[in-house]
Protein backbone atom coordinates (compact mmCIF):
# COMPACT_ATOMS: atom_id res chain seq x y z
CA MET A 1 -12.21 -33.19 6.32
CA THR A 2 -14.39 -32.71 9.39
CA GLU A 3 -12.85 -33.30 12.40
CA GLU A 4 -11.67 -30.16 14.13
CA GLU A 5 -7.91 -30.85 15.15
CA ASN A 6 -7.39 -31.82 11.64
CA ILE A 7 -9.31 -28.48 9.72
CA LYS A 8 -7.51 -26.17 12.17
CA GLN A 9 -3.78 -28.16 12.05
CA ALA A 10 -4.68 -27.78 8.04
CA ILE A 11 -5.57 -23.91 8.35
CA HIS A 12 -1.94 -23.71 10.43
CA SER A 13 0.23 -25.15 8.18
CA HIS A 14 -1.74 -23.17 4.93
CA PHE A 15 -0.63 -19.87 6.54
CA THR A 16 2.82 -21.06 7.59
CA GLU A 17 3.41 -21.11 4.49
CA TYR A 18 1.30 -18.21 3.72
CA PHE A 19 3.10 -16.22 6.18
CA ASN A 20 6.82 -17.71 5.48
CA LYS A 21 10.04 -15.43 4.39
CA LYS A 22 10.16 -15.18 0.65
CA LEU A 23 13.55 -15.00 -0.77
CA LEU A 24 14.57 -11.34 -2.14
CA GLU A 25 16.60 -10.66 -5.05
CA GLN A 26 19.38 -8.76 -4.64
CA ILE A 27 20.13 -5.51 -6.63
CA GLN A 28 23.35 -5.63 -8.55
CA PRO A 29 24.61 -2.15 -8.70
CA THR A 30 24.80 -2.69 -12.16
CA SER A 31 20.87 -2.57 -12.20
CA ASP A 32 19.10 0.05 -13.34
CA TYR A 33 16.90 0.26 -10.42
CA TYR A 34 19.80 0.48 -8.15
CA GLN A 35 20.48 4.09 -7.69
CA LEU A 36 15.98 4.13 -7.03
CA TYR A 37 17.18 2.23 -3.24
CA GLN A 38 20.07 4.63 -2.48
CA PRO A 39 20.11 5.47 1.02
CA HIS A 40 19.57 9.67 1.77
CA PRO A 41 21.28 10.32 5.09
CA GLU A 42 20.55 14.04 4.69
CA LEU A 43 17.22 13.76 4.86
CA GLU A 44 17.21 12.76 8.09
CA ILE A 45 17.09 16.22 9.20
CA HIS A 46 13.40 16.62 8.62
CA TYR A 47 13.08 13.16 11.40
CA GLN A 48 14.24 15.09 14.25
CA ASN A 49 10.87 15.56 16.18
CA LEU A 50 10.05 12.11 15.41
CA PHE A 51 10.90 10.54 18.95
CA ASP A 52 9.39 13.81 21.17
CA ILE A 53 7.71 12.73 24.38
CA ILE A 54 4.53 12.61 24.23
CA SER A 55 2.33 16.21 25.26
CA ASP A 56 -0.30 15.80 27.62
CA GLU A 57 -2.12 17.39 24.22
CA GLU A 58 -1.39 14.61 22.47
CA TRP A 59 -2.52 12.09 24.18
CA GLN A 60 -5.64 13.36 25.14
CA ASN A 61 -6.14 14.01 21.34
CA THR A 62 -5.12 10.43 20.80
CA ILE A 63 -7.19 9.33 23.47
CA GLN A 64 -10.24 10.90 22.72
CA ASN A 65 -10.54 9.87 18.86
CA LEU A 66 -10.66 5.95 19.87
CA PRO A 67 -13.03 4.38 18.33
CA LEU A 68 -16.04 2.79 20.48
CA GLN A 69 -17.36 -0.82 20.52
CA LYS A 70 -14.52 -2.78 18.56
CA ALA A 71 -13.26 -5.96 19.02
CA ALA A 72 -10.84 -6.44 21.77
CA GLY A 73 -7.24 -7.62 21.13
CA PRO A 74 -5.29 -10.99 21.92
CA LEU A 75 -5.50 -9.34 25.52
CA GLU A 76 -8.70 -9.26 25.91
CA THR A 77 -8.39 -5.27 26.71
CA ASN A 78 -10.79 -2.95 24.47
CA TYR A 79 -10.64 0.60 23.60
CA GLU A 80 -12.80 1.90 26.80
CA HIS A 81 -10.68 0.08 28.69
CA ILE A 82 -8.37 2.65 27.35
CA LYS A 83 -10.56 5.57 26.86
CA TYR A 84 -12.21 5.62 30.29
CA VAL A 85 -9.13 4.29 32.81
CA SER A 86 -8.55 6.73 35.57
CA SER A 87 -5.92 10.21 35.42
CA THR A 88 -3.36 8.34 37.30
CA GLY A 89 -4.30 5.58 35.20
CA GLN A 90 -3.66 7.56 31.61
CA ILE A 91 -0.47 8.73 33.41
CA SER A 92 1.00 5.42 33.27
CA LEU A 93 -0.28 4.49 30.24
CA LYS A 94 1.51 7.89 28.37
CA LEU A 95 4.35 7.08 30.21
CA PHE A 96 5.06 3.45 28.59
CA ILE A 97 4.47 4.54 25.88
CA ASN A 98 6.79 7.09 26.06
CA LYS A 99 9.56 4.42 27.17
CA CYS A 100 8.54 2.19 23.98
CA PHE A 101 8.95 5.37 21.88
CA GLN A 102 12.33 6.09 23.99
CA LEU A 103 13.53 2.44 23.56
CA GLN A 104 12.30 1.49 20.13
CA LYS A 105 11.25 -1.86 21.16
CA ILE A 106 7.46 -2.64 22.61
CA PRO A 107 6.24 -6.06 24.41
CA SER A 108 6.45 -9.43 23.27
CA ASP A 109 2.33 -9.51 24.21
CA TRP A 110 1.81 -6.80 21.06
CA LYS A 111 3.46 -9.29 18.88
CA THR A 112 0.78 -11.79 18.84
CA SER A 113 -2.60 -11.12 17.10
CA ASN A 114 -5.36 -13.22 15.79
CA ILE A 115 -6.89 -13.11 12.25
CA PHE A 116 -10.68 -12.98 11.18
CA LEU A 117 -10.61 -14.96 7.64
CA ILE A 118 -13.40 -12.61 5.63
CA PRO A 119 -14.20 -14.54 2.02
CA LYS A 120 -13.75 -12.91 -0.64
CA LYS A 121 -16.58 -13.88 -2.38
CA SER A 122 -19.91 -14.35 -1.04
CA SER A 123 -20.08 -17.86 -2.34
CA TRP A 124 -17.12 -19.16 -0.88
CA ASP A 125 -16.01 -22.77 -1.37
CA PHE A 126 -13.66 -23.01 1.40
CA THR A 127 -10.81 -22.32 -0.44
CA LEU A 128 -7.98 -20.72 1.77
CA ASN A 129 -6.74 -18.53 -1.04
CA GLN A 130 -9.52 -17.18 -1.13
CA VAL A 131 -9.87 -14.94 2.01
CA HIS A 132 -8.79 -11.94 3.03
CA PRO A 133 -6.95 -12.62 6.27
CA ILE A 134 -7.71 -9.57 8.99
CA SER A 135 -5.32 -8.83 12.18
CA ILE A 136 -6.68 -8.24 15.09
CA ILE A 137 -4.28 -6.62 16.91
CA GLU A 138 -3.59 -5.71 20.99
CA LEU A 139 -5.28 -2.75 21.30
CA MET A 140 -2.40 -0.77 22.73
CA LYS A 141 -0.07 -1.06 21.04
CA LYS A 142 -2.80 0.45 17.61
CA CYS A 143 -2.76 3.56 20.40
CA PHE A 144 1.02 3.63 19.97
CA THR A 145 1.74 2.91 16.16
CA LYS A 146 -1.15 5.88 15.58
CA ILE A 147 1.01 7.97 17.36
CA PHE A 148 3.79 7.00 15.60
CA THR A 149 1.79 7.02 12.33
CA GLN A 150 0.65 10.63 12.61
CA ARG A 151 4.33 11.79 13.39
CA LEU A 152 5.93 9.89 10.41
CA ASP A 153 3.14 10.86 7.96
CA HIS A 154 3.01 14.46 8.92
CA ILE A 155 6.73 14.35 8.98
CA ILE A 156 6.30 13.04 4.73
CA ASN A 157 4.33 15.46 3.57
CA SER A 158 5.12 18.61 5.09
CA ASN A 159 8.24 17.83 3.33
CA LYS A 160 7.04 16.06 0.74
CA LEU A 161 9.46 13.45 1.04
CA LEU A 162 7.05 11.03 -0.88
CA SER A 163 5.96 11.73 -4.79
CA ASN A 164 2.18 12.55 -5.04
CA LEU A 165 1.00 9.26 -6.99
CA ASN A 166 -0.83 7.27 -4.45
CA PHE A 167 -3.86 8.93 -3.27
CA ALA A 168 -3.88 6.49 -0.45
CA ALA A 169 -2.45 6.35 3.49
CA THR A 170 -3.39 10.72 3.20
CA LYS A 171 -5.59 12.62 5.82
CA ASN A 172 -8.62 13.21 4.26
CA SER A 173 -7.59 10.86 1.10
CA SER A 174 -10.18 9.43 -1.14
CA THR A 175 -11.20 7.87 -4.57
CA HIS A 176 -12.45 10.76 -5.86
CA ILE A 177 -9.98 12.67 -7.07
CA PRO A 178 -7.52 9.93 -9.01
CA ILE A 179 -11.46 8.39 -10.37
CA GLN A 180 -11.70 12.63 -11.64
CA ILE A 181 -8.34 12.52 -13.27
CA LEU A 182 -8.96 9.59 -14.95
CA ASN A 183 -12.50 9.96 -16.27
CA ASN A 184 -11.92 13.39 -17.57
CA THR A 185 -8.66 12.01 -18.94
CA ILE A 186 -10.64 8.96 -20.61
CA GLU A 187 -13.61 11.56 -21.87
CA HIS A 188 -10.91 13.89 -23.30
CA TYR A 189 -9.46 11.32 -25.76
CA LYS A 190 -12.70 9.57 -26.71
CA HIS A 191 -13.90 13.44 -27.85
CA PHE A 192 -10.65 14.20 -29.78
CA ASN A 193 -10.15 11.01 -30.90
CA LYS A 194 -6.56 10.37 -29.82
CA GLU A 195 -4.85 6.97 -29.25
CA ALA A 196 -4.77 5.59 -25.32
CA TRP A 197 -3.55 2.69 -23.84
CA ILE A 198 -4.64 2.71 -20.20
CA MET A 199 -3.87 -0.32 -18.33
CA PHE A 200 -6.14 -1.13 -14.97
CA GLN A 201 -3.09 -3.19 -12.55
CA ASP A 202 -4.76 -4.74 -9.45
CA MET A 203 -1.93 -6.59 -6.98
CA SER A 204 -2.50 -9.61 -5.14
CA LYS A 205 -1.62 -10.08 -0.89
CA ALA A 206 -0.02 -6.61 -1.57
CA PHE A 207 0.21 -6.07 2.36
CA ASP A 208 1.14 -9.61 3.14
CA LYS A 209 4.14 -9.86 0.36
CA ILE A 210 6.05 -6.94 1.80
CA ASN A 211 9.33 -7.82 2.53
CA ILE A 212 11.07 -6.31 5.48
CA SER A 213 13.90 -6.77 4.27
CA ARG A 214 13.27 -3.94 1.17
CA LEU A 215 10.94 -2.12 3.53
CA GLN A 216 13.60 -1.04 5.21
CA ASP A 217 15.84 0.45 1.74
CA THR A 218 13.00 2.58 1.03
CA CYS A 219 13.03 4.01 4.66
CA LYS A 220 16.29 4.90 4.02
CA ARG A 221 15.53 6.04 0.76
CA ILE A 222 13.45 8.89 2.43
CA GLY A 223 15.75 10.02 4.63
CA ILE A 224 13.89 7.46 7.88
CA PRO A 225 16.57 7.82 10.32
CA ILE A 226 17.70 4.71 12.00
CA LYS A 227 15.53 5.36 15.24
CA GLY A 228 12.43 5.07 12.78
CA ILE A 229 14.33 1.50 10.37
CA GLN A 230 14.19 -0.18 14.10
CA LEU A 231 11.39 0.65 15.24
CA ILE A 232 9.49 -0.58 12.26
CA THR A 233 11.50 -3.39 12.13
CA GLU A 234 10.58 -4.21 16.13
CA LEU A 235 7.33 -4.12 15.03
CA HIS A 236 8.25 -6.64 12.29
CA THR A 237 10.29 -8.94 14.31
CA ASN A 238 9.19 -12.57 16.01
CA ARG A 239 5.46 -12.01 15.28
CA GLN A 240 3.09 -14.90 15.80
CA ALA A 241 -0.88 -14.92 15.23
CA ARG A 242 -3.59 -17.81 16.16
CA ILE A 243 -6.34 -18.04 13.17
CA ILE A 244 -10.21 -18.00 14.30
CA THR A 245 -11.83 -20.92 13.43
CA ALA A 246 -15.64 -22.12 14.15
CA HIS A 247 -13.57 -25.06 16.17
CA GLY A 248 -11.18 -21.83 18.26
CA LEU A 249 -7.90 -20.57 17.81
CA THR A 250 -5.30 -22.39 15.94
CA SER A 251 -1.87 -22.86 17.55
CA PRO A 252 0.60 -19.91 16.65
CA VAL A 253 1.99 -19.14 13.45
CA HIS A 254 4.78 -17.42 13.32
CA ILE A 255 4.89 -14.38 10.92
CA LYS A 256 7.47 -13.86 8.68
CA SER A 257 6.91 -12.00 6.26
CA GLY A 258 4.34 -8.89 5.32
CA ILE A 259 2.68 -5.77 6.95
CA GLU A 260 -0.51 -6.17 9.23
CA GLN A 261 -3.88 -5.83 7.59
CA GLY A 262 -5.32 -3.75 10.46
CA GLU A 263 -2.56 -2.10 11.84
CA THR A 264 -2.30 1.85 11.84
CA TYR A 265 0.85 2.21 9.94
CA SER A 266 0.49 -0.63 7.07
CA PRO A 267 -1.19 1.97 4.42
CA LEU A 268 1.96 4.08 5.27
CA LEU A 269 4.36 1.73 5.06
CA TRP A 270 2.27 0.45 1.90
CA LYS A 271 3.20 3.92 0.35
CA ILE A 272 6.44 3.97 1.49
CA TYR A 273 7.36 0.49 -0.18
CA TYR A 274 5.98 1.32 -3.38
CA ASP A 275 6.74 5.29 -4.49
CA PRO A 276 10.24 4.06 -5.89
CA ILE A 277 8.37 2.20 -8.43
CA LEU A 278 5.87 4.85 -9.11
CA THR A 279 8.24 7.77 -9.38
CA TYR A 280 10.88 5.05 -12.02
CA ILE A 281 7.91 4.62 -14.09
CA HIS A 282 7.66 8.40 -13.51
CA ASN A 283 10.27 9.71 -14.55
CA LYS A 284 11.50 7.37 -17.16
CA TYR A 285 8.51 7.70 -19.48
CA LYS A 286 6.84 10.86 -18.34
CA ASN A 287 7.31 12.41 -21.64
CA HIS A 288 4.60 9.37 -23.39
CA LEU A 289 2.04 9.42 -20.64
CA LEU A 290 -1.34 10.18 -21.73
CA LYS A 291 -1.54 14.66 -21.71
CA ILE A 292 -4.61 16.90 -21.55
CA THR A 293 -4.52 20.35 -24.11
CA SER A 294 -6.58 23.32 -23.37
CA SER A 295 -7.13 26.55 -24.67
CA SER A 296 -8.29 29.03 -21.52
CA PRO A 297 -9.95 31.96 -22.81
CA LEU A 298 -6.69 34.21 -22.41
CA GLU A 299 -4.68 31.97 -24.79
CA ILE A 300 -7.30 31.94 -26.95
CA VAL A 301 -7.84 35.77 -26.91
CA SER A 302 -4.01 36.46 -26.92
CA ASN A 303 -3.29 33.72 -29.56
CA ILE A 304 -0.92 31.65 -27.25
CA PRO A 305 -0.17 28.26 -28.21
CA PRO A 306 -2.98 26.05 -25.69
CA SER A 307 -1.39 24.65 -22.54
CA SER A 308 -0.31 20.32 -21.67
CA ILE A 309 -0.99 18.66 -18.70
CA THR A 310 0.84 15.67 -18.62
CA ILE A 311 -1.65 13.21 -16.65
CA PRO A 312 1.13 10.61 -14.31
CA PRO A 313 0.70 7.12 -13.37
CA MET A 314 -2.17 6.75 -10.66
CA ALA A 315 -2.23 4.60 -7.55
CA PHE A 316 -4.40 3.89 -4.98
CA MET A 317 -3.24 1.93 -2.06
CA ASP A 318 -2.46 -1.58 -3.84
CA ASP A 319 -4.45 -0.68 -7.22
CA THR A 320 -2.22 1.05 -10.03
CA VAL A 321 -3.11 3.14 -13.37
CA TRP A 322 -0.87 2.63 -16.27
CA HIS A 323 -1.27 4.74 -19.51
CA SER A 324 0.46 5.96 -22.58
CA LYS A 325 0.05 6.80 -26.04
CA ASN A 326 0.83 3.47 -27.88
CA PRO A 327 1.38 -0.04 -27.00
CA GLU A 328 4.69 -0.33 -27.46
CA THR A 329 5.25 2.64 -24.38
CA LEU A 330 2.56 0.65 -22.65
CA GLN A 331 4.30 -2.94 -22.85
CA CYS A 332 7.57 -1.13 -21.79
CA ILE A 333 6.43 0.22 -18.65
CA LEU A 334 4.98 -3.42 -18.42
CA ASN A 335 8.07 -4.82 -18.42
CA ASP A 336 9.67 -2.81 -16.14
CA THR A 337 6.82 -3.09 -13.52
CA GLN A 338 7.55 -7.00 -13.92
CA GLN A 339 10.85 -6.57 -12.93
CA LEU A 340 10.45 -4.15 -10.29
CA TYR A 341 7.27 -6.02 -8.64
CA ASN A 342 9.55 -9.58 -8.67
CA LEU A 343 12.43 -7.07 -6.85
CA ASN A 344 9.75 -6.24 -3.85
CA ASN A 345 8.18 -9.71 -4.00
CA ILE A 346 4.63 -8.32 -5.11
CA GLU A 347 2.57 -10.15 -7.04
CA ILE A 348 -0.38 -9.03 -9.55
CA ASN A 349 -3.94 -10.62 -9.66
CA ALA A 350 -4.09 -11.20 -13.39
CA ALA A 351 -8.21 -11.96 -13.36
CA LYS A 352 -8.71 -8.46 -11.75
CA SER A 353 -6.62 -6.67 -14.31
CA ASP A 354 -7.68 -5.02 -17.11
CA LEU A 355 -6.63 -3.31 -20.65
CA LEU A 356 -8.57 -0.05 -21.80
CA TYR A 357 -8.33 1.14 -26.30
CA ILE A 358 -9.22 4.81 -27.39
CA SER A 359 -8.98 3.92 -30.71
CA GLN A 360 -8.55 6.23 -33.58
CA ASN A 361 -9.97 4.59 -35.72
CA LYS A 362 -14.26 3.87 -34.53
CA ASN A 363 -14.08 1.32 -37.20
CA LYS A 364 -10.94 -0.23 -36.26
CA LEU A 365 -11.40 -4.13 -36.41
CA ASN A 366 -10.77 -6.03 -33.37
CA ASN A 367 -8.04 -8.46 -34.77
CA THR A 368 -5.82 -5.50 -35.93
CA ILE A 369 -5.84 -4.60 -32.08
CA PRO A 370 -1.71 -5.15 -30.91
CA MET A 371 -2.37 -7.53 -27.86
CA LEU A 372 -0.07 -6.36 -24.39
CA TYR A 373 1.13 -9.04 -21.80
CA TYR A 374 2.24 -9.20 -18.64
CA ASN A 375 3.53 -12.34 -17.47
CA ASN A 376 3.59 -13.80 -20.74
CA GLN A 377 -0.43 -13.77 -20.29
CA ILE A 378 -2.56 -11.52 -22.46
CA ILE A 379 -3.81 -9.18 -20.67
CA PRO A 380 -7.97 -8.97 -21.49
CA LEU A 381 -9.07 -5.68 -23.23
CA ARG A 382 -12.49 -4.24 -22.27
CA LYS A 383 -14.56 -0.87 -24.01
CA PRO A 384 -14.56 2.44 -22.11
CA HIS A 385 -18.18 1.30 -20.72
CA GLU A 386 -16.68 -2.01 -19.30
CA ILE A 387 -14.58 0.21 -16.94
CA ILE A 388 -16.44 3.44 -16.13
């Protein structure tokens, strides 16, 4: 295919299907997962300041921390335009943003974005399934959502409304802590010659698969009030995007599912969306997860039994580590996650998922190691040095 219009039409057709709304399986009252998604209106009290009028200090902090030399949005507005506007203009912008908060509405122009395609591999063969679609969003909208995200994140963290199992989307978060915990756990099990089964699971296009109806359920689960849910829904309703190509922009593609990669609130919304799954697995299997047992000097001197620390399932954004003391329990964990993923339109990237097995018997033959399955596919087994 070489004709410019044919190329643009093919790209448009691909992403029309890509962002089409996927059917969502309803969770029946008889399901083991039904209570997991029930609303908790008693938690709404924590959000009473979520829609307060933006103060001068809050607005100035937001403006001062805007990055420079970033790509302009569809309306060709740069952060520089916002940052260096006159004091009278700043007052007008703040009044406008406050009105958006008050009404839980945003301008229709803010619902249009441009999408830049980034190949996943350096040797890209122009296959559209092998790209990351990154949204270039109107920057005034990002100022608005930044304030909303900071307020929401502060409320959630201050009141511990989510589990601490996902290390992303939190101020000063990094991969350092989960990697250190995991590495120490692996070394502990290798040193004491104990059996361990660890699954490294990677998701496929996690943000793009989020179902907005289920996102509303997960927001109600942590007590986000109706005004907050209305705003989140407004941000994800009647959206469209044009794909950037070498031959110009495509015609608009209607986006009916997912949240934009590139938005300020996307990591936090993903964390809210994924938390019920992490919480369910942790609570159900906490007695079968890996543990680190060690004696402090005081315990040794006092002849006190050593203390144990249970290592929880861990995630950083859409990368998750499931683990257990034996293959049977890990298979049960994977069976549960598969059902929960199906209920939430989450897909696993099997090619990037790996299994690590630490054996009690160093001479155990590979053909005696049980196989674990996900979605009827065998999970590749890796040696410790291939993972760490």
